[in-house]
Protein backbone atom coordinates (compact mmCIF):
# COMPACT_ATOMS: atom_id res chain seq x y z
CA MET A 1 142.69 52.39 126.38
CA ARG A 2 140.91 48.75 124.39
CA ILE A 3 137.54 50.93 122.79
CA PRO A 4 140.82 53.36 121.56
CA LEU A 5 142.55 50.90 120.11
CA ILE A 6 139.88 48.84 118.07
CA ALA A 7 138.71 52.67 117.20
CA ALA A 8 141.40 52.69 115.78
CA ALA A 9 142.07 49.54 114.28
CA LEU A 10 138.26 49.97 112.99
CA ALA A 11 139.42 53.37 111.01
CA PHE A 12 141.93 52.00 109.45
CA ALA A 13 140.27 49.08 108.14
CA THR A 14 138.19 51.38 105.82
CA ILE A 15 140.56 53.50 104.46
CA ALA A 16 143.44 50.36 104.25
CA PRO A 17 142.94 48.02 101.18
CA ALA A 18 141.62 44.58 101.61
CA ALA A 19 144.21 42.09 100.79
CA GLY A 20 143.43 41.16 97.63
CA ALA A 21 141.78 42.99 96.15
CA ASP A 22 142.23 44.75 92.76
CA VAL A 23 145.90 46.25 91.66
CA LEU A 24 146.62 47.67 88.93
CA SER A 25 149.30 45.15 87.35
CA PRO A 26 151.49 46.11 85.32
CA LEU A 27 150.69 44.06 81.97
CA LEU A 28 147.12 45.44 81.93
CA PRO A 29 148.76 47.84 79.12
CA LEU A 30 150.58 45.16 77.27
CA VAL A 31 147.50 42.73 77.78
CA ASP A 32 144.64 46.21 76.49
CA ALA A 33 146.26 46.65 73.85
CA ALA A 34 146.07 42.36 72.58
CA ALA A 35 141.83 42.33 73.86
CA GLN A 36 142.33 45.83 70.93
CA ARG A 37 143.68 43.56 68.79
CA LEU A 38 141.77 40.58 69.17
CA GLN A 39 138.83 43.40 68.61
CA THR A 40 139.56 43.91 65.17
CA ALA A 41 138.78 40.75 64.34
CA ASP A 42 134.96 42.10 64.09
CA PRO A 43 135.70 44.27 61.37
CA VAL A 44 138.22 41.98 59.62
CA ALA A 45 135.54 38.64 59.79
CA ALA A 46 132.70 41.75 58.37
CA SER A 47 135.66 42.19 56.06
CA LYS A 48 136.36 38.85 54.32
CA TYR A 49 132.68 37.51 54.61
CA LEU A 50 131.26 40.67 52.41
CA THR A 51 134.12 40.56 50.15
CA GLY A 52 134.58 36.75 50.18
CA GLY A 53 138.33 36.77 51.10
CA ALA A 54 139.23 33.80 53.08
CA ILE A 55 140.06 33.89 56.85
CA SER A 56 143.37 32.60 56.77
CA ASP A 57 145.59 35.50 54.96
CA PRO A 58 148.98 33.19 55.32
CA PRO A 59 151.73 36.33 53.92
CA ARG A 60 149.82 39.03 55.87
CA GLU A 61 150.83 37.00 58.67
CA GLN A 62 154.13 36.56 58.01
CA GLN A 63 154.17 40.12 57.04
CA VAL A 64 153.01 40.77 60.40
CA LEU A 65 155.45 38.29 62.26
CA ASP A 66 158.33 39.35 59.91
CA GLY A 67 157.39 43.11 61.43
CA VAL A 68 157.12 42.31 64.65
CA ALA A 69 160.12 40.59 65.18
CA ALA A 70 162.33 43.32 63.61
CA ALA A 71 161.40 45.99 66.00
CA ALA A 72 161.72 43.72 68.74
CA GLN A 73 164.66 43.44 67.29
CA GLN A 74 165.46 47.13 66.92
CA GLN A 75 164.56 47.80 71.01
CA GLY A 76 166.84 45.49 71.96
CA THR A 77 164.50 42.90 72.95
CA ASP A 78 164.24 38.28 71.78
CA PRO A 79 162.64 38.56 68.60
CA GLY A 80 161.81 34.84 69.04
CA TYR A 81 159.99 36.10 71.85
CA VAL A 82 157.85 38.08 70.58
CA ARG A 83 157.19 35.98 67.21
CA GLU A 84 155.51 33.45 69.24
CA VAL A 85 153.90 35.85 71.81
CA PHE A 86 152.13 37.05 68.32
CA ARG A 87 151.75 34.20 66.70
CA ASP A 88 149.16 33.06 69.28
CA GLN A 89 147.78 36.55 68.99
CA ILE A 90 147.26 35.58 65.33
CA ASP A 91 145.78 32.53 65.80
CA ALA A 92 143.51 33.39 67.83
CA SER A 93 142.37 36.25 66.34
CA VAL A 94 141.33 33.71 62.77
CA SER A 95 140.20 31.69 65.34
CA LEU A 96 137.36 34.42 66.11
CA GLN A 97 136.96 35.12 62.91
CA HIS A 98 136.49 32.08 62.04
CA SER A 99 133.42 31.68 65.71
CA LEU A 100 132.08 34.73 63.43
CA PHE A 101 131.39 33.41 60.04
CA ALA A 102 130.17 29.86 62.03
CA TYR A 103 127.25 32.33 63.33
CA TRP A 104 126.61 33.85 60.27
CA LYS A 105 126.37 31.45 58.53
CA ILE A 106 123.45 29.55 61.20
CA ASP A 107 122.04 32.69 61.58
CA PRO A 108 122.39 34.78 58.34
CA ALA A 109 119.90 37.35 60.11
CA ALA A 110 123.28 38.25 61.91
CA ALA A 111 125.87 38.47 58.97
CA PRO A 112 126.91 42.08 58.57
CA VAL A 113 125.69 44.37 55.00
CA THR A 114 128.66 46.84 55.85
CA ALA A 115 132.58 46.58 57.10
CA PRO A 116 134.84 48.81 57.08
CA ASP A 117 138.47 49.11 54.21
CA LEU A 118 140.09 46.12 55.76
CA ALA A 119 142.58 48.76 54.56
CA ASP A 120 141.69 50.82 57.19
CA THR A 121 141.89 48.33 60.29
CA ARG A 122 144.99 46.29 59.10
CA ALA A 123 146.61 49.85 59.98
CA LYS A 124 144.85 49.77 63.66
CA ILE A 125 146.14 46.03 63.63
CA ASP A 126 149.56 47.93 62.56
CA THR A 127 148.89 50.12 65.60
CA LEU A 128 148.57 48.27 68.64
CA ASN A 129 151.29 45.59 67.25
CA GLN A 130 154.22 48.45 67.40
CA THR A 131 152.13 48.88 70.61
CA MET A 132 151.99 45.92 71.91
CA VAL A 133 155.90 45.36 70.66
CA ALA A 134 157.12 48.25 72.68
CA GLU A 135 155.30 46.84 75.79
CA ILE A 136 156.60 43.91 75.65
CA GLY A 137 160.52 46.29 76.01
CA HIS A 138 158.86 48.01 78.42
CA ARG A 139 157.47 45.41 81.16
CA TRP A 140 160.57 42.36 79.80
CA GLN A 141 161.05 41.76 83.45
CA GLU A 142 157.86 40.79 84.89
CA LEU A 143 157.81 39.20 81.84
CA HIS A 144 159.84 36.73 82.79
CA ASN A 145 159.49 37.23 86.53
CA PRO A 146 157.48 34.16 89.04
CA SER A 147 154.96 36.89 89.57
CA CYS A 148 154.08 37.22 86.19
CA PRO A 149 151.25 34.27 86.07
CA ALA A 150 149.38 36.39 88.47
CA GLU A 151 149.54 39.79 87.60
CA LEU A 152 148.93 38.18 84.09
CA ALA A 153 145.84 36.55 85.16
CA ALA A 154 144.65 40.25 86.58
CA ALA A 155 145.53 41.55 83.64
CA VAL A 156 143.30 39.73 81.82
CA ASP A 157 139.89 39.91 84.25
CA GLU A 158 140.91 44.19 84.04
CA ALA A 159 141.40 44.10 80.42
CA ALA A 160 138.00 41.92 79.59
CA ARG A 161 136.53 43.40 81.88
CA ASN A 162 137.33 47.53 79.99
CA ARG A 163 136.88 45.97 76.98
CA ARG A 164 133.32 43.80 78.15
CA LEU A 165 134.30 40.81 76.42
CA ASP A 166 132.33 38.73 75.65
CA PRO A 167 133.62 34.84 76.06
CA VAL A 168 134.28 33.81 73.03
CA PHE A 169 136.67 36.69 73.37
CA ARG A 170 137.88 36.11 76.74
CA ARG A 171 138.78 32.53 75.94
CA ALA A 172 140.61 34.34 73.00
CA LEU A 173 141.64 36.43 75.55
CA GLU A 174 143.53 33.78 77.01
CA TYR A 175 145.08 31.97 74.78
CA ALA A 176 147.00 34.95 73.04
CA THR A 177 148.14 35.89 76.16
CA HIS A 178 149.30 32.56 77.25
CA ASP A 179 152.89 32.31 76.73
CA TYR A 180 153.44 35.84 78.22
CA CYS A 181 155.30 34.56 81.02
CA ARG A 182 158.78 32.76 80.97
């Protein structure tokens, strides 16, 4: 009798997910969009570097913040929360751009020689902004749930792995998402 029970237990153990096994976080679509948005720091920095543009662009930042707050209001999501989340996202992106400029200064051979049109990259950013605002609305309950920190950590891990983020970009993603949970 013990052998069939042991065999059944072993069979179940091989098909059942292990405790702590990776399960996709419901926050992954939001965090992945944030990661993609951070990855635009490379082409944005390259464009600014080649044109002599300033990294900080307060009018553009204000335009983004006003736009996402209006979109949040329109979908019935707290615009103050969305504005705060996007402030973190912008700050993380600007920090990445500063790090790229610093790297290119100490290693001019690594500096870009071409860059995509900044308008094209900003159009991609605007699309990602829309995705993020929509995901915040869809995931409002999860963002305000006690399980949010664990779900967020899992989503950051998965997005960083899927997007092959280096340690600097991963840290930027952690910063960009640090105020998601309430």
